[in-house]
Amino acid sequence: MKMKKKVLVYDNQLGYYKMLVENLGKDVSFILYDTMMPEIKFDAVTFFMGDELEAHDMAKLANMSLPFILATSKKAVESAAETKGIYHIDLRRTKDVLLQMITEVLHALDIWNENSKARAVLI
């Protein structure tokens, strides 16, 4: 049986997390971020940024040497993401477009490929 890749998801509102689980969960294991998480191996991080107060958590998670998908509607963060090699998803898009964009990034990162190597992460 093929092992699902694990993607850590930061979403304080839980709506985007539920959307990922319901629509893409058969192919990828999405794990909701918790500050008390033990060491777990992830293949990527998806961060849904609702406001600037979450920037501290973003900096912590973006520094994990994992592919980082930043989903935000903030223009300033969007341009910064491009310069740092972070994959940006524009939250001003429709649900279908968001799912398509996230799926494309995950495929580009080879998240569906069982041969990619997860890295241990201590949060």
PDB file of N, CA and C in Angstrom:
ATOM      1  N   MET A   1       0.836  -1.190   0.000  1.00  0.00           N
ATOM      2  CA  MET A   1       0.000   0.000   0.000  1.00  0.00           C
ATOM      3  C   MET A   1       0.876   1.246   0.000  1.00  0.00           C
ATOM      4  N   LYS A   2       0.498   2.195  -0.818  1.00  0.00           N
ATOM      5  CA  LYS A   2       1.249   3.438  -0.951  1.00  0.00           C
ATOM      6  C   LYS A   2       1.093   4.299   0.302  1.00  0.00           C
ATOM      7  N   MET A   3       2.209   4.769   0.822  1.00  0.00           N
ATOM      8  CA  MET A   3       2.218   5.624   2.004  1.00  0.00           C
ATOM      9  C   MET A   3       1.887   7.064   1.589  1.00  0.00           C
ATOM     10  N   LYS A   4       0.931   7.675   2.261  1.00  0.00           N
ATOM     11  CA  LYS A   4       0.591   9.067   1.964  1.00  0.00           C
ATOM     12  C   LYS A   4       1.680   9.993   2.467  1.00  0.00           C
ATOM     13  N   LYS A   5       1.950  11.060   1.724  1.00  0.00           N
ATOM     14  CA  LYS A   5       2.872  12.094   2.166  1.00  0.00           C
ATOM     15  C   LYS A   5       2.162  12.945   3.205  1.00  0.00           C
ATOM     16  N   LYS A   6       2.940  13.507   4.122  1.00  0.00           N
ATOM     17  CA  LYS A   6       2.383  14.304   5.210  1.00  0.00           C
ATOM     18  C   LYS A   6       2.680  15.775   4.989  1.00  0.00           C
ATOM     19  N   VAL A   7       1.635  16.579   5.046  1.00  0.00           N
ATOM     20  CA  VAL A   7       1.757  18.027   4.895  1.00  0.00           C
ATOM     21  C   VAL A   7       1.217  18.678   6.163  1.00  0.00           C
ATOM     22  N   LEU A   8       2.073  19.444   6.827  1.00  0.00           N
ATOM     23  CA  LEU A   8       1.668  20.201   8.004  1.00  0.00           C
ATOM     24  C   LEU A   8       0.867  21.414   7.543  1.00  0.00           C
ATOM     25  N   VAL A   9      -0.288  21.632   8.157  1.00  0.00           N
ATOM     26  CA  VAL A   9      -1.166  22.740   7.771  1.00  0.00           C
ATOM     27  C   VAL A   9      -1.365  23.668   8.965  1.00  0.00           C
ATOM     28  N   TYR A  10      -1.070  24.958   8.744  1.00  0.00           N
ATOM     29  CA  TYR A  10      -1.336  25.989   9.743  1.00  0.00           C
ATOM     30  C   TYR A  10      -2.573  26.745   9.262  1.00  0.00           C
ATOM     31  N   ASP A  11      -3.649  26.645  10.027  1.00  0.00           N
ATOM     32  CA  ASP A  11      -4.900  27.328   9.682  1.00  0.00           C
ATOM     33  C   ASP A  11      -5.681  27.576  10.963  1.00  0.00           C
ATOM     34  N   ASN A  12      -5.607  28.791  11.488  1.00  0.00           N
ATOM     35  CA  ASN A  12      -6.299  29.122  12.732  1.00  0.00           C
ATOM     36  C   ASN A  12      -7.821  29.056  12.621  1.00  0.00           C
ATOM     37  N   GLN A  13      -8.347  29.255  11.434  1.00  0.00           N
ATOM     38  CA  GLN A  13      -9.799  29.253  11.258  1.00  0.00           C
ATOM     39  C   GLN A  13     -10.358  27.866  10.948  1.00  0.00           C
ATOM     40  N   LEU A  14      -9.497  26.930  10.542  1.00  0.00           N
ATOM     41  CA  LEU A  14      -9.821  25.534  10.229  1.00  0.00           C
ATOM     42  C   LEU A  14     -10.577  25.318   8.913  1.00  0.00           C
ATOM     43  N   GLY A  15     -11.097  26.343   8.306  1.00  0.00           N
ATOM     44  CA  GLY A  15     -11.861  26.183   7.066  1.00  0.00           C
ATOM     45  C   GLY A  15     -11.019  25.659   5.910  1.00  0.00           C
ATOM     46  N   TYR A  16      -9.835  26.200   5.727  1.00  0.00           N
ATOM     47  CA  TYR A  16      -8.967  25.744   4.642  1.00  0.00           C
ATOM     48  C   TYR A  16      -8.445  24.330   4.929  1.00  0.00           C
ATOM     49  N   TYR A  17      -8.139  24.053   6.178  1.00  0.00           N
ATOM     50  CA  TYR A  17      -7.701  22.709   6.561  1.00  0.00           C
ATOM     51  C   TYR A  17      -8.778  21.681   6.208  1.00  0.00           C
ATOM     52  N   LYS A  18     -10.020  21.967   6.574  1.00  0.00           N
ATOM     53  CA  LYS A  18     -11.121  21.057   6.262  1.00  0.00           C
ATOM     54  C   LYS A  18     -11.287  20.899   4.757  1.00  0.00           C
ATOM     55  N   MET A  19     -11.123  21.995   4.007  1.00  0.00           N
ATOM     56  CA  MET A  19     -11.218  21.943   2.554  1.00  0.00           C
ATOM     57  C   MET A  19     -10.157  20.998   1.981  1.00  0.00           C
ATOM     58  N   LEU A  20      -8.928  21.092   2.481  1.00  0.00           N
ATOM     59  CA  LEU A  20      -7.855  20.220   2.002  1.00  0.00           C
ATOM     60  C   LEU A  20      -8.147  18.756   2.316  1.00  0.00           C
ATOM     61  N   VAL A  21      -8.552  18.488   3.551  1.00  0.00           N
ATOM     62  CA  VAL A  21      -8.833  17.114   3.965  1.00  0.00           C
ATOM     63  C   VAL A  21      -9.965  16.518   3.134  1.00  0.00           C
ATOM     64  N   GLU A  22     -11.042  17.290   2.955  1.00  0.00           N
ATOM     65  CA  GLU A  22     -12.204  16.786   2.217  1.00  0.00           C
ATOM     66  C   GLU A  22     -11.927  16.588   0.735  1.00  0.00           C
ATOM     67  N   ASN A  23     -11.120  17.454   0.151  1.00  0.00           N
ATOM     68  CA  ASN A  23     -10.928  17.418  -1.302  1.00  0.00           C
ATOM     69  C   ASN A  23      -9.639  16.739  -1.759  1.00  0.00           C
ATOM     70  N   LEU A  24      -8.606  16.762  -0.954  1.00  0.00           N
ATOM     71  CA  LEU A  24      -7.324  16.197  -1.359  1.00  0.00           C
ATOM     72  C   LEU A  24      -6.821  15.127  -0.392  1.00  0.00           C
ATOM     73  N   GLY A  25      -7.581  14.849   0.650  1.00  0.00           N
ATOM     74  CA  GLY A  25      -7.148  13.945   1.707  1.00  0.00           C
ATOM     75  C   GLY A  25      -6.957  12.498   1.292  1.00  0.00           C
ATOM     76  N   LYS A  26      -7.522  12.090   0.183  1.00  0.00           N
ATOM     77  CA  LYS A  26      -7.310  10.706  -0.248  1.00  0.00           C
ATOM     78  C   LYS A  26      -5.913  10.500  -0.813  1.00  0.00           C
ATOM     79  N   ASP A  27      -5.255  11.584  -1.225  1.00  0.00           N
ATOM     80  CA  ASP A  27      -3.915  11.494  -1.808  1.00  0.00           C
ATOM     81  C   ASP A  27      -2.807  11.946  -0.866  1.00  0.00           C
ATOM     82  N   VAL A  28      -3.139  12.852   0.058  1.00  0.00           N
ATOM     83  CA  VAL A  28      -2.141  13.446   0.943  1.00  0.00           C
ATOM     84  C   VAL A  28      -2.698  13.456   2.358  1.00  0.00           C
ATOM     85  N   SER A  29      -1.839  13.205   3.335  1.00  0.00           N
ATOM     86  CA  SER A  29      -2.239  13.272   4.734  1.00  0.00           C
ATOM     87  C   SER A  29      -1.961  14.685   5.249  1.00  0.00           C
ATOM     88  N   PHE A  30      -3.020  15.437   5.538  1.00  0.00           N
ATOM     89  CA  PHE A  30      -2.893  16.794   6.056  1.00  0.00           C
ATOM     90  C   PHE A  30      -2.999  16.746   7.570  1.00  0.00           C
ATOM     91  N   ILE A  31      -2.017  17.333   8.249  1.00  0.00           N
ATOM     92  CA  ILE A  31      -1.960  17.318   9.708  1.00  0.00           C
ATOM     93  C   ILE A  31      -2.004  18.758  10.205  1.00  0.00           C
ATOM     94  N   LEU A  32      -2.982  19.054  11.047  1.00  0.00           N
ATOM     95  CA  LEU A  32      -3.165  20.409  11.552  1.00  0.00           C
ATOM     96  C   LEU A  32      -2.077  20.768  12.558  1.00  0.00           C
ATOM     97  N   TYR A  33      -1.495  21.942  12.403  1.00  0.00           N
ATOM     98  CA  TYR A  33      -0.439  22.441  13.287  1.00  0.00           C
ATOM     99  C   TYR A  33      -0.951  22.607  14.705  1.00  0.00           C
ATOM    100  N   ASP A  34      -0.138  22.180  15.642  1.00  0.00           N
ATOM    101  CA  ASP A  34      -0.419  22.340  17.062  1.00  0.00           C
ATOM    102  C   ASP A  34       0.911  22.672  17.735  1.00  0.00           C
ATOM    103  N   THR A  35       0.932  23.686  18.578  1.00  0.00           N
ATOM    104  CA  THR A  35       2.183  24.096  19.216  1.00  0.00           C
ATOM    105  C   THR A  35       2.770  23.009  20.110  1.00  0.00           C
ATOM    106  N   MET A  36       1.982  22.052  20.511  1.00  0.00           N
ATOM    107  CA  MET A  36       2.452  20.983  21.400  1.00  0.00           C
ATOM    108  C   MET A  36       2.741  19.686  20.642  1.00  0.00           C
ATOM    109  N   MET A  37       2.934  19.770  19.343  1.00  0.00           N
ATOM    110  CA  MET A  37       3.161  18.572  18.539  1.00  0.00           C
ATOM    111  C   MET A  37       4.498  17.922  18.877  1.00  0.00           C
ATOM    112  N   PRO A  38       4.516  16.610  18.888  1.00  0.00           N
ATOM    113  CA  PRO A  38       5.807  15.916  19.053  1.00  0.00           C
ATOM    114  C   PRO A  38       6.571  15.966  17.722  1.00  0.00           C
ATOM    115  N   GLU A  39       7.756  15.407  17.707  1.00  0.00           N
ATOM    116  CA  GLU A  39       8.530  15.363  16.469  1.00  0.00           C
ATOM    117  C   GLU A  39       7.815  14.451  15.474  1.00  0.00           C
ATOM    118  N   ILE A  40       7.500  14.998  14.322  1.00  0.00           N
ATOM    119  CA  ILE A  40       6.793  14.271  13.271  1.00  0.00           C
ATOM    120  C   ILE A  40       7.497  14.577  11.952  1.00  0.00           C
ATOM    121  N   LYS A  41       7.499  13.616  11.059  1.00  0.00           N
ATOM    122  CA  LYS A  41       8.094  13.835   9.743  1.00  0.00           C
ATOM    123  C   LYS A  41       7.043  14.396   8.792  1.00  0.00           C
ATOM    124  N   PHE A  42       7.388  15.505   8.136  1.00  0.00           N
ATOM    125  CA  PHE A  42       6.510  16.122   7.151  1.00  0.00           C
ATOM    126  C   PHE A  42       7.263  16.240   5.824  1.00  0.00           C
ATOM    127  N   ASP A  43       6.492  16.334   4.747  1.00  0.00           N
ATOM    128  CA  ASP A  43       7.079  16.523   3.425  1.00  0.00           C
ATOM    129  C   ASP A  43       6.969  17.965   2.958  1.00  0.00           C
ATOM    130  N   ALA A  44       6.063  18.716   3.551  1.00  0.00           N
ATOM    131  CA  ALA A  44       5.868  20.122   3.184  1.00  0.00           C
ATOM    132  C   ALA A  44       5.037  20.801   4.266  1.00  0.00           C
ATOM    133  N   VAL A  45       5.002  22.127   4.196  1.00  0.00           N
ATOM    134  CA  VAL A  45       4.199  22.938   5.106  1.00  0.00           C
ATOM    135  C   VAL A  45       3.292  23.829   4.262  1.00  0.00           C
ATOM    136  N   THR A  46       2.013  23.899   4.629  1.00  0.00           N
ATOM    137  CA  THR A  46       1.082  24.838   4.006  1.00  0.00           C
ATOM    138  C   THR A  46       0.590  25.767   5.103  1.00  0.00           C
ATOM    139  N   PHE A  47       0.791  27.059   4.906  1.00  0.00           N
ATOM    140  CA  PHE A  47       0.477  28.058   5.924  1.00  0.00           C
ATOM    141  C   PHE A  47      -0.595  28.997   5.391  1.00  0.00           C
ATOM    142  N   PHE A  48      -1.769  28.992   6.015  1.00  0.00           N
ATOM    143  CA  PHE A  48      -2.857  29.904   5.650  1.00  0.00           C
ATOM    144  C   PHE A  48      -2.776  31.091   6.591  1.00  0.00           C
ATOM    145  N   MET A  49      -2.347  32.230   6.055  1.00  0.00           N
ATOM    146  CA  MET A  49      -2.119  33.421   6.877  1.00  0.00           C
ATOM    147  C   MET A  49      -3.331  34.345   6.812  1.00  0.00           C
ATOM    148  N   GLY A  50      -3.981  34.502   7.965  1.00  0.00           N
ATOM    149  CA  GLY A  50      -5.151  35.363   8.032  1.00  0.00           C
ATOM    150  C   GLY A  50      -4.819  36.801   8.376  1.00  0.00           C
ATOM    151  N   ASP A  51      -3.798  37.002   9.212  1.00  0.00           N
ATOM    152  CA  ASP A  51      -3.414  38.367   9.579  1.00  0.00           C
ATOM    153  C   ASP A  51      -1.935  38.414   9.960  1.00  0.00           C
ATOM    154  N   GLU A  52      -1.449  39.611  10.169  1.00  0.00           N
ATOM    155  CA  GLU A  52      -0.030  39.819  10.446  1.00  0.00           C
ATOM    156  C   GLU A  52       0.405  39.242  11.793  1.00  0.00           C
ATOM    157  N   LEU A  53      -0.535  39.014  12.703  1.00  0.00           N
ATOM    158  CA  LEU A  53      -0.208  38.445  14.006  1.00  0.00           C
ATOM    159  C   LEU A  53       0.357  37.027  13.880  1.00  0.00           C
ATOM    160  N   GLU A  54       0.077  36.382  12.782  1.00  0.00           N
ATOM    161  CA  GLU A  54       0.556  35.019  12.566  1.00  0.00           C
ATOM    162  C   GLU A  54       1.962  34.981  11.969  1.00  0.00           C
ATOM    163  N   ALA A  55       2.565  36.141  11.739  1.00  0.00           N
ATOM    164  CA  ALA A  55       3.884  36.204  11.103  1.00  0.00           C
ATOM    165  C   ALA A  55       4.955  35.488  11.931  1.00  0.00           C
ATOM    166  N   HIS A  56       4.850  35.543  13.254  1.00  0.00           N
ATOM    167  CA  HIS A  56       5.826  34.860  14.108  1.00  0.00           C
ATOM    168  C   HIS A  56       5.780  33.344  13.882  1.00  0.00           C
ATOM    169  N   ASP A  57       4.571  32.791  13.854  1.00  0.00           N
ATOM    170  CA  ASP A  57       4.426  31.358  13.586  1.00  0.00           C
ATOM    171  C   ASP A  57       4.911  31.015  12.186  1.00  0.00           C
ATOM    172  N   MET A  58       4.628  31.901  11.234  1.00  0.00           N
ATOM    173  CA  MET A  58       5.078  31.661   9.862  1.00  0.00           C
ATOM    174  C   MET A  58       6.601  31.595   9.796  1.00  0.00           C
ATOM    175  N   ALA A  59       7.272  32.522  10.466  1.00  0.00           N
ATOM    176  CA  ALA A  59       8.739  32.540  10.447  1.00  0.00           C
ATOM    177  C   ALA A  59       9.300  31.253  11.046  1.00  0.00           C
ATOM    178  N   LYS A  60       8.681  30.763  12.079  1.00  0.00           N
ATOM    179  CA  LYS A  60       9.118  29.524  12.724  1.00  0.00           C
ATOM    180  C   LYS A  60       8.963  28.332  11.781  1.00  0.00           C
ATOM    181  N   LEU A  61       7.816  28.241  11.122  1.00  0.00           N
ATOM    182  CA  LEU A  61       7.547  27.109  10.246  1.00  0.00           C
ATOM    183  C   LEU A  61       8.279  27.214   8.914  1.00  0.00           C
ATOM    184  N   ALA A  62       8.509  28.417   8.437  1.00  0.00           N
ATOM    185  CA  ALA A  62       9.202  28.589   7.151  1.00  0.00           C
ATOM    186  C   ALA A  62      10.680  28.268   7.278  1.00  0.00           C
ATOM    187  N   ASN A  63      11.170  28.163   8.480  1.00  0.00           N
ATOM    188  CA  ASN A  63      12.586  27.910   8.728  1.00  0.00           C
ATOM    189  C   ASN A  63      12.843  26.427   9.006  1.00  0.00           C
ATOM    190  N   MET A  64      12.050  25.546   8.442  1.00  0.00           N
ATOM    191  CA  MET A  64      12.159  24.123   8.733  1.00  0.00           C
ATOM    192  C   MET A  64      12.837  23.335   7.613  1.00  0.00           C
ATOM    193  N   SER A  65      13.386  23.980   6.617  1.00  0.00           N
ATOM    194  CA  SER A  65      14.040  23.307   5.497  1.00  0.00           C
ATOM    195  C   SER A  65      13.097  22.373   4.744  1.00  0.00           C
ATOM    196  N   LEU A  66      11.829  22.724   4.709  1.00  0.00           N
ATOM    197  CA  LEU A  66      10.830  21.969   3.965  1.00  0.00           C
ATOM    198  C   LEU A  66      10.207  22.874   2.919  1.00  0.00           C
ATOM    199  N   PRO A  67       9.667  22.309   1.852  1.00  0.00           N
ATOM    200  CA  PRO A  67       8.905  23.138   0.923  1.00  0.00           C
ATOM    201  C   PRO A  67       7.800  23.864   1.693  1.00  0.00           C
ATOM    202  N   PHE A  68       7.626  25.151   1.417  1.00  0.00           N
ATOM    203  CA  PHE A  68       6.700  25.984   2.184  1.00  0.00           C
ATOM    204  C   PHE A  68       5.707  26.638   1.241  1.00  0.00           C
ATOM    205  N   ILE A  69       4.427  26.371   1.454  1.00  0.00           N
ATOM    206  CA  ILE A  69       3.357  26.967   0.659  1.00  0.00           C
ATOM    207  C   ILE A  69       2.681  28.013   1.531  1.00  0.00           C
ATOM    208  N   LEU A  70       2.743  29.257   1.101  1.00  0.00           N
ATOM    209  CA  LEU A  70       2.131  30.357   1.842  1.00  0.00           C
ATOM    210  C   LEU A  70       0.858  30.788   1.133  1.00  0.00           C
ATOM    211  N   ALA A  71      -0.262  30.638   1.819  1.00  0.00           N
ATOM    212  CA  ALA A  71      -1.549  31.038   1.269  1.00  0.00           C
ATOM    213  C   ALA A  71      -2.014  32.287   2.010  1.00  0.00           C
ATOM    214  N   THR A  72      -2.131  33.379   1.283  1.00  0.00           N
ATOM    215  CA  THR A  72      -2.522  34.647   1.891  1.00  0.00           C
ATOM    216  C   THR A  72      -3.170  35.542   0.845  1.00  0.00           C
ATOM    217  N   SER A  73      -3.886  36.538   1.330  1.00  0.00           N
ATOM    218  CA  SER A  73      -4.452  37.546   0.428  1.00  0.00           C
ATOM    219  C   SER A  73      -3.679  38.851   0.531  1.00  0.00           C
ATOM    220  N   LYS A  74      -2.588  38.834   1.250  1.00  0.00           N
ATOM    221  CA  LYS A  74      -1.782  40.039   1.483  1.00  0.00           C
ATOM    222  C   LYS A  74      -0.771  40.243   0.359  1.00  0.00           C
ATOM    223  N   LYS A  75      -0.834  41.377  -0.319  1.00  0.00           N
ATOM    224  CA  LYS A  75       0.079  41.675  -1.424  1.00  0.00           C
ATOM    225  C   LYS A  75       1.528  41.780  -0.969  1.00  0.00           C
ATOM    226  N   ALA A  76       1.790  42.388   0.172  1.00  0.00           N
ATOM    227  CA  ALA A  76       3.168  42.572   0.639  1.00  0.00           C
ATOM    228  C   ALA A  76       3.831  41.225   0.887  1.00  0.00           C
ATOM    229  N   VAL A  77       3.102  40.297   1.456  1.00  0.00           N
ATOM    230  CA  VAL A  77       3.657  38.967   1.729  1.00  0.00           C
ATOM    231  C   VAL A  77       3.868  38.219   0.426  1.00  0.00           C
ATOM    232  N   GLU A  78       2.972  38.425  -0.528  1.00  0.00           N
ATOM    233  CA  GLU A  78       3.083  37.756  -1.819  1.00  0.00           C
ATOM    234  C   GLU A  78       4.414  38.087  -2.491  1.00  0.00           C
ATOM    235  N   SER A  79       4.795  39.359  -2.521  1.00  0.00           N
ATOM    236  CA  SER A  79       6.051  39.734  -3.167  1.00  0.00           C
ATOM    237  C   SER A  79       7.253  39.231  -2.379  1.00  0.00           C
ATOM    238  N   ALA A  80       7.170  39.207  -1.063  1.00  0.00           N
ATOM    239  CA  ALA A  80       8.263  38.675  -0.247  1.00  0.00           C
ATOM    240  C   ALA A  80       8.416  37.178  -0.467  1.00  0.00           C
ATOM    241  N   ALA A  81       7.304  36.486  -0.632  1.00  0.00           N
ATOM    242  CA  ALA A  81       7.346  35.043  -0.845  1.00  0.00           C
ATOM    243  C   ALA A  81       8.092  34.707  -2.127  1.00  0.00           C
ATOM    244  N   GLU A  82       7.886  35.499  -3.167  1.00  0.00           N
ATOM    245  CA  GLU A  82       8.557  35.244  -4.437  1.00  0.00           C
ATOM    246  C   GLU A  82      10.065  35.368  -4.300  1.00  0.00           C
ATOM    247  N   THR A  83      10.535  36.317  -3.517  1.00  0.00           N
ATOM    248  CA  THR A  83      11.970  36.518  -3.400  1.00  0.00           C
ATOM    249  C   THR A  83      12.633  35.474  -2.518  1.00  0.00           C
ATOM    250  N   LYS A  84      11.894  34.823  -1.648  1.00  0.00           N
ATOM    251  CA  LYS A  84      12.479  33.829  -0.743  1.00  0.00           C
ATOM    252  C   LYS A  84      12.243  32.397  -1.204  1.00  0.00           C
ATOM    253  N   GLY A  85      11.655  32.214  -2.376  1.00  0.00           N
ATOM    254  CA  GLY A  85      11.436  30.871  -2.873  1.00  0.00           C
ATOM    255  C   GLY A  85      10.291  30.131  -2.215  1.00  0.00           C
ATOM    256  N   ILE A  86       9.388  30.844  -1.589  1.00  0.00           N
ATOM    257  CA  ILE A  86       8.209  30.241  -0.970  1.00  0.00           C
ATOM    258  C   ILE A  86       7.112  30.210  -2.029  1.00  0.00           C
ATOM    259  N   TYR A  87       6.384  29.110  -2.100  1.00  0.00           N
ATOM    260  CA  TYR A  87       5.283  29.002  -3.058  1.00  0.00           C
ATOM    261  C   TYR A  87       4.096  29.778  -2.522  1.00  0.00           C
ATOM    262  N   HIS A  88       3.579  30.715  -3.315  1.00  0.00           N
ATOM    263  CA  HIS A  88       2.473  31.560  -2.863  1.00  0.00           C
ATOM    264  C   HIS A  88       1.158  31.121  -3.496  1.00  0.00           C
ATOM    265  N   ILE A  89       0.118  31.051  -2.673  1.00  0.00           N
ATOM    266  CA  ILE A  89      -1.246  30.781  -3.121  1.00  0.00           C
ATOM    267  C   ILE A  89      -2.085  31.998  -2.748  1.00  0.00           C
ATOM    268  N   ASP A  90      -2.804  32.543  -3.718  1.00  0.00           N
ATOM    269  CA  ASP A  90      -3.613  33.739  -3.513  1.00  0.00           C
ATOM    270  C   ASP A  90      -5.000  33.354  -2.987  1.00  0.00           C
ATOM    271  N   LEU A  91      -5.291  33.700  -1.736  1.00  0.00           N
ATOM    272  CA  LEU A  91      -6.564  33.344  -1.112  1.00  0.00           C
ATOM    273  C   LEU A  91      -7.753  34.144  -1.645  1.00  0.00           C
ATOM    274  N   ARG A  92      -7.503  35.086  -2.530  1.00  0.00           N
ATOM    275  CA  ARG A  92      -8.612  35.839  -3.116  1.00  0.00           C
ATOM    276  C   ARG A  92      -9.274  35.058  -4.248  1.00  0.00           C
ATOM    277  N   ARG A  93      -8.781  33.876  -4.536  1.00  0.00           N
ATOM    278  CA  ARG A  93      -9.318  33.020  -5.608  1.00  0.00           C
ATOM    279  C   ARG A  93     -10.502  32.200  -5.101  1.00  0.00           C
ATOM    280  N   THR A  94     -11.225  31.597  -6.037  1.00  0.00           N
ATOM    281  CA  THR A  94     -12.343  30.719  -5.665  1.00  0.00           C
ATOM    282  C   THR A  94     -11.816  29.410  -5.083  1.00  0.00           C
ATOM    283  N   LYS A  95     -12.673  28.678  -4.425  1.00  0.00           N
ATOM    284  CA  LYS A  95     -12.301  27.394  -3.823  1.00  0.00           C
ATOM    285  C   LYS A  95     -11.703  26.456  -4.869  1.00  0.00           C
ATOM    286  N   ASP A  96     -12.347  26.350  -6.028  1.00  0.00           N
ATOM    287  CA  ASP A  96     -11.852  25.447  -7.065  1.00  0.00           C
ATOM    288  C   ASP A  96     -10.467  25.844  -7.548  1.00  0.00           C
ATOM    289  N   VAL A  97     -10.236  27.140  -7.707  1.00  0.00           N
ATOM    290  CA  VAL A  97      -8.925  27.610  -8.160  1.00  0.00           C
ATOM    291  C   VAL A  97      -7.882  27.383  -7.064  1.00  0.00           C
ATOM    292  N   LEU A  98      -8.246  27.629  -5.802  1.00  0.00           N
ATOM    293  CA  LEU A  98      -7.320  27.365  -4.688  1.00  0.00           C
ATOM    294  C   LEU A  98      -6.899  25.899  -4.664  1.00  0.00           C
ATOM    295  N   LEU A  99      -7.869  25.003  -4.778  1.00  0.00           N
ATOM    296  CA  LEU A  99      -7.554  23.575  -4.768  1.00  0.00           C
ATOM    297  C   LEU A  99      -6.664  23.196  -5.945  1.00  0.00           C
ATOM    298  N   GLN A 100      -6.941  23.769  -7.097  1.00  0.00           N
ATOM    299  CA  GLN A 100      -6.125  23.493  -8.280  1.00  0.00           C
ATOM    300  C   GLN A 100      -4.690  23.993  -8.077  1.00  0.00           C
ATOM    301  N   MET A 101      -4.547  25.211  -7.553  1.00  0.00           N
ATOM    302  CA  MET A 101      -3.218  25.775  -7.330  1.00  0.00           C
ATOM    303  C   MET A 101      -2.426  24.951  -6.302  1.00  0.00           C
ATOM    304  N   ILE A 102      -3.078  24.573  -5.207  1.00  0.00           N
ATOM    305  CA  ILE A 102      -2.406  23.783  -4.177  1.00  0.00           C
ATOM    306  C   ILE A 102      -2.018  22.413  -4.732  1.00  0.00           C
ATOM    307  N   THR A 103      -2.917  21.796  -5.480  1.00  0.00           N
ATOM    308  CA  THR A 103      -2.622  20.500  -6.089  1.00  0.00           C
ATOM    309  C   THR A 103      -1.430  20.598  -7.031  1.00  0.00           C
ATOM    310  N   GLU A 104      -1.386  21.651  -7.839  1.00  0.00           N
ATOM    311  CA  GLU A 104      -0.264  21.832  -8.766  1.00  0.00           C
ATOM    312  C   GLU A 104       1.058  21.985  -8.025  1.00  0.00           C
ATOM    313  N   VAL A 105       1.056  22.748  -6.943  1.00  0.00           N
ATOM    314  CA  VAL A 105       2.291  22.919  -6.169  1.00  0.00           C
ATOM    315  C   VAL A 105       2.702  21.597  -5.533  1.00  0.00           C
ATOM    316  N   LEU A 106       1.748  20.872  -4.953  1.00  0.00           N
ATOM    317  CA  LEU A 106       2.075  19.590  -4.323  1.00  0.00           C
ATOM    318  C   LEU A 106       2.612  18.587  -5.345  1.00  0.00           C
ATOM    319  N   HIS A 107       2.037  18.587  -6.537  1.00  0.00           N
ATOM    320  CA  HIS A 107       2.563  17.714  -7.597  1.00  0.00           C
ATOM    321  C   HIS A 107       3.966  18.158  -8.006  1.00  0.00           C
ATOM    322  N   ALA A 108       4.173  19.456  -8.132  1.00  0.00           N
ATOM    323  CA  ALA A 108       5.498  19.961  -8.505  1.00  0.00           C
ATOM    324  C   ALA A 108       6.542  19.606  -7.453  1.00  0.00           C
ATOM    325  N   LEU A 109       6.123  19.550  -6.196  1.00  0.00           N
ATOM    326  CA  LEU A 109       7.020  19.194  -5.098  1.00  0.00           C
ATOM    327  C   LEU A 109       7.172  17.684  -4.945  1.00  0.00           C
ATOM    328  N   ASP A 110       6.471  16.941  -5.780  1.00  0.00           N
ATOM    329  CA  ASP A 110       6.540  15.488  -5.764  1.00  0.00           C
ATOM    330  C   ASP A 110       5.975  14.904  -4.466  1.00  0.00           C
ATOM    331  N   ILE A 111       4.968  15.555  -3.920  1.00  0.00           N
ATOM    332  CA  ILE A 111       4.359  15.101  -2.674  1.00  0.00           C
ATOM    333  C   ILE A 111       3.605  13.783  -2.878  1.00  0.00           C
ATOM    334  N   TRP A 112       3.087  13.539  -4.079  1.00  0.00           N
ATOM    335  CA  TRP A 112       2.376  12.290  -4.331  1.00  0.00           C
ATOM    336  C   TRP A 112       3.339  11.137  -4.595  1.00  0.00           C
ATOM    337  N   ASN A 113       4.608  11.423  -4.802  1.00  0.00           N
ATOM    338  CA  ASN A 113       5.596  10.393  -5.088  1.00  0.00           C
ATOM    339  C   ASN A 113       6.076   9.761  -3.803  1.00  0.00           C
ATOM    340  N   GLU A 114       5.876   8.463  -3.644  1.00  0.00           N
ATOM    341  CA  GLU A 114       6.240   7.792  -2.398  1.00  0.00           C
ATOM    342  C   GLU A 114       7.742   7.717  -2.171  1.00  0.00           C
ATOM    343  N   ASN A 115       8.562   8.101  -3.146  1.00  0.00           N
ATOM    344  CA  ASN A 115      10.009   8.032  -2.982  1.00  0.00           C
ATOM    345  C   ASN A 115      10.631   9.305  -2.425  1.00  0.00           C
ATOM    346  N   SER A 116       9.849  10.384  -2.288  1.00  0.00           N
ATOM    347  CA  SER A 116      10.452  11.597  -1.725  1.00  0.00           C
ATOM    348  C   SER A 116      10.659  11.409  -0.225  1.00  0.00           C
ATOM    349  N   LYS A 117      11.671  12.065   0.323  1.00  0.00           N
ATOM    350  CA  LYS A 117      12.052  11.828   1.710  1.00  0.00           C
ATOM    351  C   LYS A 117      11.494  12.905   2.639  1.00  0.00           C
ATOM    352  N   ALA A 118      10.787  12.467   3.658  1.00  0.00           N
ATOM    353  CA  ALA A 118      10.308  13.392   4.688  1.00  0.00           C
ATOM    354  C   ALA A 118      11.460  13.703   5.633  1.00  0.00           C
ATOM    355  N   ARG A 119      11.396  14.860   6.253  1.00  0.00           N
ATOM    356  CA  ARG A 119      12.414  15.247   7.224  1.00  0.00           C
ATOM    357  C   ARG A 119      11.762  15.341   8.597  1.00  0.00           C
ATOM    358  N   ALA A 120      12.475  14.957   9.612  1.00  0.00           N
ATOM    359  CA  ALA A 120      11.956  15.061  10.969  1.00  0.00           C
ATOM    360  C   ALA A 120      11.892  16.519  11.372  1.00  0.00           C
ATOM    361  N   VAL A 121      10.828  16.891  12.037  1.00  0.00           N
ATOM    362  CA  VAL A 121      10.615  18.272  12.430  1.00  0.00           C
ATOM    363  C   VAL A 121      10.237  18.306  13.902  1.00  0.00           C
ATOM    364  N   LEU A 122      10.952  19.098  14.652  1.00  0.00           N
ATOM    365  CA  LEU A 122      10.605  19.309  16.048  1.00  0.00           C
ATOM    366  C   LEU A 122      10.032  20.715  16.166  1.00  0.00           C
ATOM    367  N   ILE A 123       8.780  20.792  16.559  1.00  0.00           N
ATOM    368  CA  ILE A 123       8.103  22.086  16.615  1.00  0.00           C
ATOM    369  C   ILE A 123       8.020  22.548  18.049  1.00  0.00           C
TER     370      ILE A 123
END
